[in-house]
Amino acid sequence: MQRPTPQLPEPRTLEASLSSPLRLRLVAELLDRSPPRLALEQAVLLSGRHLHDIQACLAPMERWGVVQVMGERFCLSEALPEAHMEVLRGAVARRSAQIARERRVHQHVLAGMVGLDARMIVVFEMIRQIARLDVPVLITGETGTGKEMVARAVHELSPREERLFGAVNCAAISESLFASEMFGHVRGAFTGAVRDTTGLIERCHEGSLFLDEIGDLDLSNQVKLLRVLQEGTFTRIGDTAPRRSNFRLISATHRELPRAIGEGAFREDLYYRLNVFPIRLPSLRERLGDLPYLVDDVLARRAPQGPGGSPPTITPEALEHLKRHRWPGNIRELQNVLMRAAILADGQPIAVQHLPRWGEGRDEVGAPLPQGGAAPSGHQTLEEVERAHIARVLHEQEGNVSAAARILGISRTTLYTRLKRYGLALERTVTAQRGDMTHV
């Protein structure tokens, strides 16, 4: 059956059709390319939208003769009159700030979260939806899945993007320092308070406050935070005058807060204040189909460049080897593995011999597992996987507990607790890191 002849709309009608943000974004991407064509798969990666959303936006423009869809690719029509091209360029120019912001957030803030997996596409859509609404957001997911990146994206796509994005890791701040860091203090409030200090809540006025690992916040400080959320006011330590701060709260945790509530470790009333709009990030093992895109992205953005400034490449066998791993450390672990492999490959394609040998009693390339470690393979408990991952990271950091804790996304105190629980020894590596122990 022959296709009907496209009927180009009047320029004014065409401009009205570009009120769709996605349609405008697709036109902008085409105008930025020479020749102006794009693969559907690229459009999904660039926009973070479902394939059927892309197709739904293109369908009427194809009927009008503005674009041509050729299988898995689409382009601007070569027969498009100059008057219509001017309409397209003008519409993109008028909305250029919004388009540039979306591009920046997706390409830089959300770097490392690329992929075509439906779970991630839903996450991108949720970020877009909630960014415009001034309500608390709770981001959940395993360590290393990119919770802070999502928090920053919510802030930078929101009307508050020009103001401060203040972040604090609740697992890394002591119970006694929390109130001072969050609320501030006045001179003489305690020993060492030599001047008035503005707290993070006050500095985040009209901006966003991100509380990472809020599940590790102790109960006494949970009460203080709840009071701020309920009353909208706070008081600096040593002061009597209440202050107000209009901030947008974004929280994140790798813990199951409902379980923590049942165990008496987290307040139920605070949980409902935080969990107005939940976003759950899938683990890497839940979206292994995205691994090729993630590998390409990491190698292009983070790995040492090869001859001529080109990013490292990876062999199909090495990619299959990566797919067989469980990735308990998620994207963060993938980045570490690929960075090390690119260095070992020294300008050559990354091959299996440059990667850790999971499941073979060896973890480092050609090196035995550190003391107490076991390669995460087969059917293991979560504790066994966590124990092996901690041992591996600590070994990679040559016993530097501070560096290992940062990579693992936990506090030094928590790491020492896990080391004691799992019987992981530090004697072999800590000797050369005595300076690290002085901060315990």
Protein backbone atom coordinates (compact mmCIF):
# COMPACT_ATOMS: atom_id res chain seq x y z
CA MET A 1 0.00 0.00 0.00
CA GLN A 2 1.43 3.38 -1.05
CA ARG A 3 2.02 5.95 1.68
CA PRO A 4 -0.09 9.13 1.43
CA THR A 5 1.77 12.21 0.25
CA PRO A 6 2.98 14.23 3.26
CA GLN A 7 1.08 17.48 3.81
CA LEU A 8 3.34 20.15 5.27
CA PRO A 9 1.54 22.29 7.85
CA GLU A 10 1.71 26.06 7.77
CA PRO A 11 4.80 27.41 9.58
CA ARG A 12 2.61 28.76 12.39
CA THR A 13 0.97 25.35 12.88
CA LEU A 14 4.38 23.67 12.84
CA GLU A 15 5.66 25.99 15.58
CA ALA A 16 2.63 25.18 17.75
CA SER A 17 3.39 21.47 17.38
CA LEU A 18 6.82 22.03 18.91
CA SER A 19 5.28 22.79 22.30
CA SER A 20 6.03 19.15 23.08
CA PRO A 21 9.36 19.19 25.03
CA LEU A 22 10.42 15.81 23.63
CA ARG A 23 9.61 16.76 20.03
CA LEU A 24 11.57 19.98 20.45
CA ARG A 25 14.50 18.06 21.94
CA LEU A 26 14.54 15.64 18.99
CA VAL A 27 14.50 18.53 16.51
CA ALA A 28 17.36 20.20 18.43
CA GLU A 29 19.44 17.02 18.28
CA LEU A 30 18.85 16.75 14.51
CA LEU A 31 19.77 20.38 13.87
CA ASP A 32 23.02 19.88 15.79
CA ARG A 33 24.13 17.09 13.44
CA SER A 34 25.53 17.10 9.95
CA PRO A 35 23.93 15.33 8.22
CA PRO A 36 20.82 15.84 10.41
CA ARG A 37 20.04 12.22 11.24
CA LEU A 38 19.88 10.14 14.41
CA ALA A 39 19.39 6.49 15.36
CA LEU A 40 16.33 5.68 17.47
CA GLU A 41 18.62 3.97 19.98
CA GLN A 42 20.71 7.14 20.26
CA ALA A 43 17.57 9.21 20.79
CA VAL A 44 16.57 6.97 23.69
CA LEU A 45 20.03 7.29 25.28
CA LEU A 46 20.19 11.05 24.77
CA SER A 47 16.72 11.80 26.11
CA GLY A 48 16.19 9.02 28.65
CA ARG A 49 12.71 8.44 27.23
CA HIS A 50 10.94 5.24 26.17
CA LEU A 51 11.32 4.13 22.56
CA HIS A 52 7.55 4.27 22.07
CA ASP A 53 7.59 7.92 23.31
CA ILE A 54 10.19 8.75 20.64
CA GLN A 55 8.15 7.00 17.96
CA ALA A 56 4.92 8.69 19.09
CA CYS A 57 6.58 12.12 18.76
CA LEU A 58 8.00 11.34 15.34
CA ALA A 59 4.83 9.83 13.84
CA PRO A 60 2.89 13.09 13.16
CA MET A 61 6.06 14.86 11.99
CA GLU A 62 6.63 12.06 9.52
CA ARG A 63 3.05 12.42 8.25
CA TRP A 64 3.65 16.13 7.71
CA GLY A 65 6.89 15.50 5.83
CA VAL A 66 9.09 17.24 8.42
CA VAL A 67 11.09 14.08 9.24
CA GLN A 68 11.74 10.79 7.52
CA VAL A 69 11.90 7.54 9.50
CA MET A 70 14.05 4.90 7.85
CA GLY A 71 13.94 1.70 9.89
CA GLU A 72 16.03 2.36 13.01
CA ARG A 73 17.03 5.89 12.00
CA PHE A 74 15.29 9.20 11.34
CA CYS A 75 16.32 12.51 9.78
CA LEU A 76 14.99 15.89 8.75
CA SER A 77 13.31 15.79 5.36
CA GLU A 78 15.58 16.96 2.55
CA ALA A 79 12.55 18.57 0.87
CA LEU A 80 11.74 20.78 3.86
CA PRO A 81 11.30 24.41 2.68
CA GLU A 82 13.57 27.06 4.15
CA ALA A 83 10.58 28.78 5.81
CA HIS A 84 9.87 25.64 7.81
CA MET A 85 13.56 25.20 8.66
CA GLU A 86 13.54 28.74 10.05
CA VAL A 87 10.55 27.83 12.22
CA LEU A 88 12.42 24.83 13.60
CA ARG A 89 15.60 26.81 14.27
CA GLY A 90 13.66 29.65 15.87
CA ALA A 91 11.71 27.35 18.19
CA VAL A 92 14.92 25.63 19.31
CA ALA A 93 16.68 28.97 19.85
CA ARG A 94 13.84 30.30 22.03
CA ARG A 95 13.96 27.21 24.22
CA SER A 96 17.72 26.74 24.04
CA ALA A 97 18.32 27.30 27.77
CA GLN A 98 15.89 24.53 28.72
CA ILE A 99 17.30 22.15 26.09
CA ALA A 100 20.87 22.90 27.17
CA ARG A 101 19.98 22.26 30.81
CA GLU A 102 18.37 18.89 30.00
CA ARG A 103 21.39 17.90 27.93
CA ARG A 104 23.82 18.92 30.67
CA VAL A 105 21.91 17.06 33.37
CA HIS A 106 21.59 13.90 31.30
CA GLN A 107 25.14 13.91 29.91
CA HIS A 108 27.07 15.16 32.96
CA VAL A 109 25.03 14.99 36.16
CA LEU A 110 23.61 11.58 35.25
CA ALA A 111 26.82 10.38 33.61
CA GLY A 112 27.25 6.67 34.32
CA MET A 113 23.49 6.03 34.34
CA VAL A 114 23.08 5.52 30.61
CA GLY A 115 21.14 2.58 29.28
CA LEU A 116 18.04 1.32 27.53
CA ASP A 117 16.73 -0.81 30.39
CA ALA A 118 13.08 -0.04 31.10
CA ARG A 119 13.80 0.38 34.83
CA MET A 120 16.28 3.19 34.16
CA ILE A 121 14.00 4.86 31.61
CA VAL A 122 11.32 4.95 34.32
CA VAL A 123 13.84 6.49 36.74
CA PHE A 124 14.70 9.24 34.22
CA GLU A 125 11.01 9.97 33.71
CA MET A 126 10.41 10.12 37.47
CA ILE A 127 13.29 12.58 37.85
CA ARG A 128 11.74 14.82 35.20
CA GLN A 129 8.31 14.65 36.80
CA ILE A 130 9.31 15.29 40.39
CA ALA A 131 11.93 17.97 39.67
CA ARG A 132 9.18 20.50 38.95
CA LEU A 133 7.25 19.68 42.14
CA ASP A 134 8.54 21.03 45.44
CA VAL A 135 8.09 17.89 47.58
CA PRO A 136 10.56 15.67 49.49
CA VAL A 137 12.16 12.82 47.54
CA LEU A 138 13.55 9.57 48.99
CA ILE A 139 16.05 7.73 46.78
CA THR A 140 16.72 4.09 47.63
CA GLY A 141 19.07 1.52 46.16
CA GLU A 142 22.25 -0.38 46.82
CA THR A 143 25.57 1.34 47.40
CA GLY A 144 27.17 2.44 44.15
CA THR A 145 23.98 2.78 42.08
CA GLY A 146 24.22 6.58 41.73
CA LYS A 147 21.84 7.97 44.35
CA GLU A 148 23.68 11.29 44.67
CA MET A 149 23.65 11.73 40.88
CA VAL A 150 19.87 11.39 40.92
CA ALA A 151 19.61 13.89 43.78
CA ARG A 152 21.70 16.42 41.84
CA ALA A 153 19.60 15.86 38.72
CA VAL A 154 16.39 16.53 40.66
CA HIS A 155 17.92 19.77 41.95
CA GLU A 156 19.33 20.95 38.61
CA LEU A 157 16.08 20.31 36.73
CA SER A 158 14.06 22.15 39.38
CA PRO A 159 13.27 25.87 39.75
CA ARG A 160 15.84 25.91 42.60
CA GLU A 161 18.76 25.04 40.31
CA GLU A 162 20.43 28.46 40.68
CA ARG A 163 20.66 28.09 44.47
CA LEU A 164 22.81 25.86 46.66
CA PHE A 165 22.73 22.06 46.52
CA GLY A 166 24.04 21.13 49.97
CA ALA A 167 24.96 17.52 50.66
CA VAL A 168 25.93 15.68 53.84
CA ASN A 169 26.61 11.98 54.41
CA CYS A 170 24.79 11.05 57.61
CA ALA A 171 26.94 7.93 58.00
CA ALA A 172 30.15 9.96 57.99
CA ILE A 173 29.19 12.64 60.52
CA SER A 174 29.34 12.02 64.25
CA GLU A 175 26.24 12.28 66.44
CA SER A 176 27.65 15.25 68.35
CA LEU A 177 28.58 17.24 65.22
CA PHE A 178 25.30 16.77 63.36
CA ALA A 179 23.41 19.63 65.03
CA SER A 180 26.31 22.06 64.57
CA GLU A 181 26.76 21.15 60.90
CA MET A 182 23.06 21.31 60.13
CA PHE A 183 21.82 24.18 62.30
CA GLY A 184 24.99 26.22 62.86
CA HIS A 185 26.13 27.76 66.15
CA VAL A 186 26.90 31.11 67.73
CA ARG A 187 30.19 32.25 69.16
CA GLY A 188 30.88 30.75 72.58
CA ALA A 189 28.22 28.03 72.23
CA PHE A 190 30.86 25.41 73.04
CA THR A 191 34.62 25.06 73.32
CA GLY A 192 36.16 25.99 69.97
CA ALA A 193 33.18 28.04 68.76
CA VAL A 194 35.16 31.22 68.12
CA ARG A 195 32.68 32.78 65.70
CA ASP A 196 29.10 32.50 64.50
CA THR A 197 28.69 29.71 61.93
CA THR A 198 25.88 29.26 59.43
CA GLY A 199 24.55 25.70 59.26
CA LEU A 200 23.79 23.76 56.10
CA ILE A 201 20.03 24.14 56.49
CA GLU A 202 20.37 27.92 56.52
CA ARG A 203 22.77 27.94 53.58
CA CYS A 204 20.32 25.82 51.57
CA HIS A 205 17.58 28.46 51.82
CA GLU A 206 15.75 28.45 48.44
CA GLY A 207 17.97 25.54 47.40
CA SER A 208 18.09 21.78 48.01
CA LEU A 209 19.39 19.82 51.02
CA PHE A 210 20.59 16.28 50.29
CA LEU A 211 20.90 13.89 53.24
CA ASP A 212 22.77 10.83 52.01
CA GLU A 213 22.57 7.55 53.94
CA ILE A 214 19.84 8.98 56.16
CA GLY A 215 19.15 5.45 57.39
CA ASP A 216 22.38 5.73 59.44
CA LEU A 217 21.19 8.84 61.30
CA ASP A 218 20.88 8.17 65.05
CA LEU A 219 17.50 8.50 66.77
CA SER A 220 18.28 11.70 68.70
CA ASN A 221 19.19 13.56 65.52
CA GLN A 222 16.18 12.07 63.73
CA VAL A 223 14.03 13.90 66.30
CA LYS A 224 15.85 17.20 65.61
CA LEU A 225 15.43 16.80 61.85
CA LEU A 226 11.75 15.90 62.22
CA ARG A 227 11.13 19.06 64.23
CA VAL A 228 12.60 21.20 61.44
CA LEU A 229 10.44 19.47 58.82
CA GLN A 230 7.30 19.81 60.91
CA GLU A 231 7.71 23.39 62.11
CA GLY A 232 9.82 24.86 59.32
CA THR A 233 12.11 26.51 61.88
CA PHE A 234 15.45 25.77 63.55
CA THR A 235 17.73 27.39 66.11
CA ARG A 236 21.49 27.70 66.01
CA ILE A 237 23.29 26.03 68.90
CA GLY A 238 23.70 28.54 71.73
CA ASP A 239 21.11 30.90 70.24
CA THR A 240 17.49 31.53 71.24
CA ALA A 241 16.08 33.15 68.11
CA PRO A 242 14.33 30.71 65.76
CA ARG A 243 15.20 30.94 62.06
CA ARG A 244 13.44 29.79 58.92
CA SER A 245 14.80 28.12 55.81
CA ASN A 246 12.85 27.24 52.69
CA PHE A 247 14.74 24.23 51.36
CA ARG A 248 13.79 21.21 49.29
CA LEU A 249 14.72 17.96 51.06
CA ILE A 250 16.15 15.02 49.11
CA SER A 251 17.22 11.91 51.05
CA ALA A 252 18.90 8.66 50.11
CA THR A 253 19.68 5.35 51.78
CA HIS A 254 20.79 1.84 50.94
CA ARG A 255 18.92 0.51 53.98
CA GLU A 256 15.38 -0.87 54.06
CA LEU A 257 13.79 1.80 56.23
CA PRO A 258 10.53 -0.13 56.89
CA ARG A 259 12.64 -2.90 58.40
CA ALA A 260 14.64 -0.35 60.42
CA ILE A 261 11.33 1.05 61.73
CA GLY A 262 10.30 -2.43 62.86
CA GLU A 263 13.64 -2.81 64.63
CA GLY A 264 13.23 0.52 66.41
CA ALA A 265 16.20 2.08 64.60
CA PHE A 266 14.24 4.61 62.53
CA ARG A 267 11.28 6.82 63.35
CA GLU A 268 8.10 6.03 61.47
CA ASP A 269 6.89 9.65 61.51
CA LEU A 270 10.17 10.83 59.96
CA TYR A 271 9.95 8.11 57.31
CA TYR A 272 6.56 9.40 56.12
CA ARG A 273 7.94 12.93 55.98
CA LEU A 274 10.80 11.78 53.77
CA ASN A 275 8.99 9.26 51.59
CA VAL A 276 6.60 11.62 49.79
CA PHE A 277 8.02 10.62 46.38
CA PRO A 278 10.19 7.48 46.36
CA ILE A 279 12.66 6.67 43.58
CA ARG A 280 14.29 3.23 43.63
CA LEU A 281 17.48 2.71 41.64
CA PRO A 282 17.97 -0.80 40.24
CA SER A 283 21.23 -2.60 40.90
CA LEU A 284 23.60 -3.28 38.02
CA ARG A 285 22.85 -7.01 38.10
CA GLU A 286 19.16 -6.16 37.50
CA ARG A 287 20.04 -4.43 34.21
CA LEU A 288 22.98 -6.33 32.77
CA GLY A 289 21.62 -5.62 29.30
CA ASP A 290 22.88 -2.06 29.79
CA LEU A 291 26.42 -3.23 30.51
CA PRO A 292 27.78 -2.55 26.97
CA TYR A 293 26.50 1.04 27.11
CA LEU A 294 27.87 1.55 30.60
CA VAL A 295 31.26 0.12 29.63
CA ASP A 296 31.47 2.40 26.58
CA ASP A 297 30.49 5.40 28.70
CA VAL A 298 33.03 4.69 31.46
CA LEU A 299 35.85 4.07 28.97
CA ALA A 300 35.01 7.27 27.06
CA ARG A 301 34.67 9.51 30.13
CA ARG A 302 37.00 8.17 32.80
CA ALA A 303 39.61 5.77 31.47
CA PRO A 304 43.08 6.87 30.32
CA GLN A 305 42.98 7.72 26.61
CA GLY A 306 44.78 5.58 24.08
CA PRO A 307 46.99 6.60 21.14
CA GLY A 308 45.64 9.66 19.37
CA GLY A 309 43.32 10.48 22.27
CA SER A 310 40.88 7.69 21.47
CA PRO A 311 39.10 5.91 24.33
CA PRO A 312 40.08 2.32 25.19
CA THR A 313 38.16 -0.52 23.59
CA ILE A 314 37.14 -3.91 24.97
CA THR A 315 37.02 -7.35 23.37
CA PRO A 316 33.72 -9.29 23.12
CA GLU A 317 35.19 -12.00 25.36
CA ALA A 318 36.05 -9.46 28.04
CA LEU A 319 32.55 -8.00 27.86
CA GLU A 320 31.05 -11.47 28.36
CA HIS A 321 33.38 -11.96 31.33
CA LEU A 322 32.00 -8.76 32.88
CA LYS A 323 28.42 -9.97 32.37
CA ARG A 324 29.09 -13.06 34.49
CA HIS A 325 29.94 -11.02 37.59
CA ARG A 326 27.33 -10.18 40.27
CA TRP A 327 28.57 -6.58 40.78
CA PRO A 328 27.92 -6.13 44.51
CA GLY A 329 29.53 -2.67 44.22
CA ASN A 330 27.36 -1.73 41.21
CA ILE A 331 28.43 1.16 38.93
CA ARG A 332 31.19 2.29 41.29
CA GLU A 333 32.76 -1.17 41.19
CA LEU A 334 32.43 -1.28 37.38
CA GLN A 335 34.25 2.04 37.10
CA ASN A 336 37.10 0.83 39.31
CA VAL A 337 37.44 -2.44 37.38
CA LEU A 338 37.50 -0.72 33.99
CA MET A 339 39.93 2.00 35.08
CA ARG A 340 42.38 -0.61 36.32
CA ALA A 341 41.91 -2.77 33.22
CA ALA A 342 42.54 0.18 30.89
CA ILE A 343 45.81 0.93 32.69
CA LEU A 344 46.90 -2.70 32.45
CA ALA A 345 45.92 -2.91 28.76
CA ASP A 346 48.25 0.05 28.06
CA GLY A 347 46.61 1.21 24.85
CA GLN A 348 45.55 -2.26 23.67
CA PRO A 349 41.93 -3.50 23.71
CA ILE A 350 40.90 -4.63 27.18
CA ALA A 351 40.96 -8.43 27.24
CA VAL A 352 39.96 -11.05 29.81
CA GLN A 353 43.49 -11.20 31.23
CA HIS A 354 43.20 -7.54 32.22
CA LEU A 355 40.11 -8.17 34.34
CA PRO A 356 39.64 -9.70 37.81
CA ARG A 357 39.27 -13.49 37.75
CA TRP A 358 36.04 -13.84 39.64
CA GLY A 359 35.15 -17.34 40.75
CA GLU A 360 38.66 -18.76 40.30
CA GLY A 361 40.00 -18.22 43.82
CA ARG A 362 41.77 -15.10 42.55
CA ASP A 363 40.57 -11.53 42.48
CA GLU A 364 43.33 -9.19 41.38
CA VAL A 365 44.71 -9.83 37.90
CA GLY A 366 47.14 -12.65 38.63
CA ALA A 367 47.04 -12.01 42.42
CA PRO A 368 45.45 -14.15 45.16
CA LEU A 369 42.54 -12.84 47.19
CA PRO A 370 43.43 -10.75 50.28
CA GLN A 371 43.26 -12.39 53.71
CA GLY A 372 39.75 -13.44 54.60
CA GLY A 373 38.48 -12.86 51.04
CA ALA A 374 36.59 -15.21 48.79
CA ALA A 375 35.62 -14.60 45.21
CA PRO A 376 31.90 -13.83 44.95
CA SER A 377 30.58 -16.64 42.80
CA GLY A 378 27.98 -19.36 42.94
CA HIS A 379 25.18 -19.15 45.49
CA GLN A 380 26.38 -17.05 48.39
CA THR A 381 24.68 -15.19 51.17
CA LEU A 382 24.63 -11.40 51.10
CA GLU A 383 27.05 -11.37 54.03
CA GLU A 384 29.53 -13.52 52.09
CA VAL A 385 29.31 -11.19 49.10
CA GLU A 386 29.73 -8.11 51.29
CA ARG A 387 32.68 -9.67 53.13
CA ALA A 388 34.49 -10.46 49.87
CA HIS A 389 33.77 -7.02 48.42
CA ILE A 390 35.10 -5.22 51.52
CA ALA A 391 38.21 -7.38 51.48
CA ARG A 392 38.80 -6.62 47.82
CA VAL A 393 38.37 -2.85 48.17
CA LEU A 394 40.59 -2.72 51.25
CA HIS A 395 43.24 -4.72 49.42
CA GLU A 396 43.06 -2.37 46.41
CA GLN A 397 43.51 0.63 48.73
CA GLU A 398 46.54 -1.01 50.40
CA GLY A 399 44.90 -1.00 53.82
CA ASN A 400 43.88 2.68 53.75
CA VAL A 401 40.66 2.52 55.76
CA SER A 402 39.58 6.09 54.94
CA ALA A 403 39.93 5.53 51.19
CA ALA A 404 38.17 2.15 51.39
CA ALA A 405 35.28 3.65 53.39
CA ARG A 406 34.81 6.39 50.79
CA ILE A 407 34.68 3.86 47.95
CA LEU A 408 32.27 1.64 49.89
CA GLY A 409 30.06 4.62 50.75
CA ILE A 410 30.13 3.99 54.51
CA SER A 411 31.74 5.70 57.50
CA ARG A 412 35.11 4.61 58.90
CA THR A 413 33.39 3.49 62.11
CA THR A 414 30.98 1.31 60.13
CA LEU A 415 33.85 -0.17 58.14
CA TYR A 416 35.77 -1.08 61.31
CA THR A 417 32.58 -2.71 62.65
CA ARG A 418 32.25 -4.79 59.46
CA LEU A 419 35.92 -5.77 59.58
CA LYS A 420 35.47 -7.03 63.13
CA ARG A 421 32.23 -8.85 62.27
CA TYR A 422 33.75 -10.63 59.27
CA GLY A 423 37.11 -11.31 60.90
CA LEU A 424 39.05 -9.42 58.24
CA ALA A 425 42.61 -8.74 59.35
CA LEU A 426 44.41 -5.44 58.81
CA GLU A 427 47.83 -6.36 60.19
CA ARG A 428 49.42 -7.04 56.80
CA THR A 429 48.46 -3.73 55.22
CA VAL A 430 47.95 -1.19 57.98
CA THR A 431 51.61 -1.10 59.00
CA ALA A 432 52.40 1.28 56.13
CA GLN A 433 49.27 3.32 56.81
CA ARG A 434 49.76 4.37 60.42
CA GLY A 435 48.77 7.90 59.54
CA ASP A 436 45.32 6.57 58.64
CA MET A 437 44.88 5.16 62.14
CA THR A 438 45.46 8.50 63.85
CA HIS A 439 42.02 9.70 62.81
CA VAL A 440 40.10 6.78 64.32
